[in-house]
N, C-alpha and C. Protein backbone atom coordinates (compact mmCIF):
# COMPACT_ATOMS: atom_id res chain seq x y z
N MET A 1 -4.78 -10.99 -9.63
CA MET A 1 -4.76 -10.57 -8.26
C MET A 1 -3.39 -9.97 -7.96
N LYS A 2 -3.39 -8.93 -7.13
CA LYS A 2 -2.15 -8.25 -6.77
C LYS A 2 -2.05 -8.15 -5.24
N GLU A 3 -0.82 -7.94 -4.74
CA GLU A 3 -0.63 -7.78 -3.31
C GLU A 3 0.43 -6.74 -3.03
N PHE A 4 0.37 -6.21 -1.82
CA PHE A 4 1.34 -5.23 -1.36
C PHE A 4 1.54 -5.43 0.14
N PHE A 5 2.79 -5.40 0.58
CA PHE A 5 3.13 -5.46 1.99
C PHE A 5 3.61 -4.09 2.43
N CYS A 6 2.93 -3.50 3.41
CA CYS A 6 3.28 -2.16 3.86
C CYS A 6 4.72 -2.09 4.35
N GLY A 7 5.21 -3.16 4.94
CA GLY A 7 6.58 -3.19 5.44
C GLY A 7 7.63 -2.93 4.37
N ALA A 8 7.27 -3.07 3.11
CA ALA A 8 8.20 -2.77 2.01
C ALA A 8 8.48 -1.27 1.93
N VAL A 9 7.56 -0.47 2.48
CA VAL A 9 7.70 0.98 2.46
C VAL A 9 7.86 1.54 3.87
N VAL A 10 7.17 0.94 4.84
CA VAL A 10 7.22 1.37 6.24
C VAL A 10 7.80 0.21 7.06
N PRO A 11 9.09 0.23 7.33
CA PRO A 11 9.71 -0.87 8.07
C PRO A 11 8.98 -1.15 9.38
N GLY A 12 8.75 -2.44 9.64
CA GLY A 12 8.10 -2.85 10.87
C GLY A 12 6.60 -3.02 10.76
N CYS A 13 5.99 -2.52 9.70
CA CYS A 13 4.54 -2.68 9.53
C CYS A 13 4.27 -4.02 8.86
N SER A 14 3.35 -4.79 9.45
CA SER A 14 3.07 -6.13 8.92
C SER A 14 1.79 -6.20 8.09
N ALA A 15 1.19 -5.05 7.78
CA ALA A 15 -0.06 -5.06 7.01
C ALA A 15 0.18 -5.57 5.59
N ARG A 16 -0.79 -6.35 5.12
CA ARG A 16 -0.75 -6.91 3.76
C ARG A 16 -2.07 -6.60 3.08
N PHE A 17 -2.01 -6.23 1.83
CA PHE A 17 -3.21 -5.88 1.07
C PHE A 17 -3.27 -6.69 -0.20
N GLU A 18 -4.48 -7.06 -0.58
CA GLU A 18 -4.70 -7.86 -1.77
C GLU A 18 -5.88 -7.27 -2.52
N GLY A 19 -5.78 -7.20 -3.83
CA GLY A 19 -6.87 -6.66 -4.63
C GLY A 19 -6.77 -7.10 -6.08
N GLU A 20 -7.84 -6.87 -6.80
CA GLU A 20 -7.91 -7.26 -8.21
C GLU A 20 -6.96 -6.46 -9.10
N ASN A 21 -6.68 -5.21 -8.67
CA ASN A 21 -5.82 -4.36 -9.50
C ASN A 21 -5.11 -3.32 -8.62
N GLU A 22 -4.27 -2.54 -9.24
CA GLU A 22 -3.48 -1.54 -8.52
C GLU A 22 -4.37 -0.52 -7.81
N ASP A 23 -5.45 -0.09 -8.46
CA ASP A 23 -6.34 0.90 -7.84
C ASP A 23 -6.97 0.37 -6.56
N ALA A 24 -7.35 -0.91 -6.55
CA ALA A 24 -7.93 -1.51 -5.35
C ALA A 24 -6.90 -1.53 -4.21
N ILE A 25 -5.66 -1.84 -4.54
CA ILE A 25 -4.60 -1.84 -3.54
C ILE A 25 -4.37 -0.42 -3.01
N LEU A 26 -4.27 0.54 -3.91
CA LEU A 26 -4.00 1.92 -3.50
C LEU A 26 -5.11 2.48 -2.61
N ALA A 27 -6.35 2.12 -2.85
CA ALA A 27 -7.46 2.57 -1.99
C ALA A 27 -7.30 2.01 -0.59
N GLN A 28 -6.94 0.74 -0.49
CA GLN A 28 -6.73 0.11 0.82
C GLN A 28 -5.54 0.74 1.53
N VAL A 29 -4.49 0.98 0.79
CA VAL A 29 -3.28 1.58 1.36
C VAL A 29 -3.57 2.98 1.89
N ALA A 30 -4.35 3.76 1.17
CA ALA A 30 -4.68 5.11 1.62
C ALA A 30 -5.42 5.07 2.96
N ARG A 31 -6.39 4.15 3.09
CA ARG A 31 -7.12 4.02 4.36
C ARG A 31 -6.18 3.59 5.48
N HIS A 32 -5.33 2.62 5.17
CA HIS A 32 -4.38 2.12 6.15
C HIS A 32 -3.39 3.22 6.58
N ALA A 33 -2.89 3.97 5.61
CA ALA A 33 -1.94 5.04 5.91
C ALA A 33 -2.57 6.05 6.88
N HIS A 34 -3.83 6.34 6.69
CA HIS A 34 -4.53 7.26 7.58
C HIS A 34 -4.75 6.64 8.96
N ASP A 35 -5.33 5.45 8.97
CA ASP A 35 -5.72 4.82 10.24
C ASP A 35 -4.53 4.33 11.07
N ALA A 36 -3.54 3.74 10.43
CA ALA A 36 -2.44 3.13 11.17
C ALA A 36 -1.21 4.04 11.30
N HIS A 37 -1.03 4.93 10.33
CA HIS A 37 0.18 5.73 10.31
C HIS A 37 -0.08 7.23 10.45
N GLY A 38 -1.36 7.62 10.62
CA GLY A 38 -1.70 9.02 10.87
C GLY A 38 -1.48 9.96 9.71
N MET A 39 -1.44 9.42 8.50
CA MET A 39 -1.21 10.26 7.32
C MET A 39 -2.55 10.80 6.80
N GLU A 40 -2.70 12.11 6.79
CA GLU A 40 -3.92 12.71 6.25
C GLU A 40 -3.93 12.64 4.73
N HIS A 41 -2.74 12.68 4.16
CA HIS A 41 -2.58 12.64 2.70
C HIS A 41 -1.34 11.81 2.39
N VAL A 42 -1.46 10.93 1.41
CA VAL A 42 -0.30 10.13 1.00
C VAL A 42 0.42 10.88 -0.12
N PRO A 43 1.65 11.30 0.13
CA PRO A 43 2.39 12.06 -0.88
C PRO A 43 2.64 11.25 -2.15
N ASP A 44 2.77 11.96 -3.25
CA ASP A 44 2.99 11.31 -4.55
C ASP A 44 4.21 10.40 -4.55
N ASP A 45 5.28 10.80 -3.89
CA ASP A 45 6.48 9.96 -3.89
C ASP A 45 6.25 8.64 -3.15
N VAL A 46 5.41 8.68 -2.12
CA VAL A 46 5.08 7.45 -1.39
C VAL A 46 4.18 6.56 -2.26
N ILE A 47 3.24 7.16 -2.97
CA ILE A 47 2.37 6.40 -3.87
C ILE A 47 3.22 5.69 -4.92
N GLU A 48 4.20 6.38 -5.47
CA GLU A 48 5.07 5.77 -6.48
C GLU A 48 5.90 4.64 -5.87
N GLU A 49 6.34 4.82 -4.63
CA GLU A 49 7.08 3.76 -3.95
C GLU A 49 6.18 2.54 -3.74
N VAL A 50 4.93 2.78 -3.34
CA VAL A 50 3.97 1.68 -3.16
C VAL A 50 3.75 0.97 -4.50
N ARG A 51 3.50 1.75 -5.55
CA ARG A 51 3.29 1.14 -6.88
C ARG A 51 4.45 0.23 -7.27
N GLY A 52 5.65 0.64 -6.93
CA GLY A 52 6.83 -0.16 -7.27
C GLY A 52 6.92 -1.45 -6.48
N GLN A 53 6.17 -1.56 -5.39
CA GLN A 53 6.22 -2.74 -4.55
C GLN A 53 5.00 -3.65 -4.70
N ILE A 54 4.03 -3.26 -5.52
CA ILE A 54 2.85 -4.10 -5.77
C ILE A 54 3.27 -5.26 -6.66
N ARG A 55 2.90 -6.45 -6.25
CA ARG A 55 3.29 -7.66 -6.97
C ARG A 55 2.08 -8.45 -7.42
N ASP A 56 2.24 -9.19 -8.50
CA ASP A 56 1.20 -10.12 -8.97
C ASP A 56 1.20 -11.35 -8.08
N VAL A 57 0.00 -11.85 -7.79
CA VAL A 57 -0.16 -13.05 -7.01
C VAL A 57 -0.80 -14.09 -7.91
N SER A 58 -0.26 -15.29 -7.90
CA SER A 58 -0.83 -16.33 -8.77
C SER A 58 -1.89 -17.12 -8.05
């Protein structure tokens, strides 16, 4: 299981995502970026920043 906190990339955002793998997290993050942050497209550099903040959950 993996997790990601949006606040690690977008200060002040308290959204947390959990998924079986990185792809599951990235799909959730893309929806969240659109719905909560108005992003039509998540740039590659932001995706890489998100990937760097995804952590394993025990």
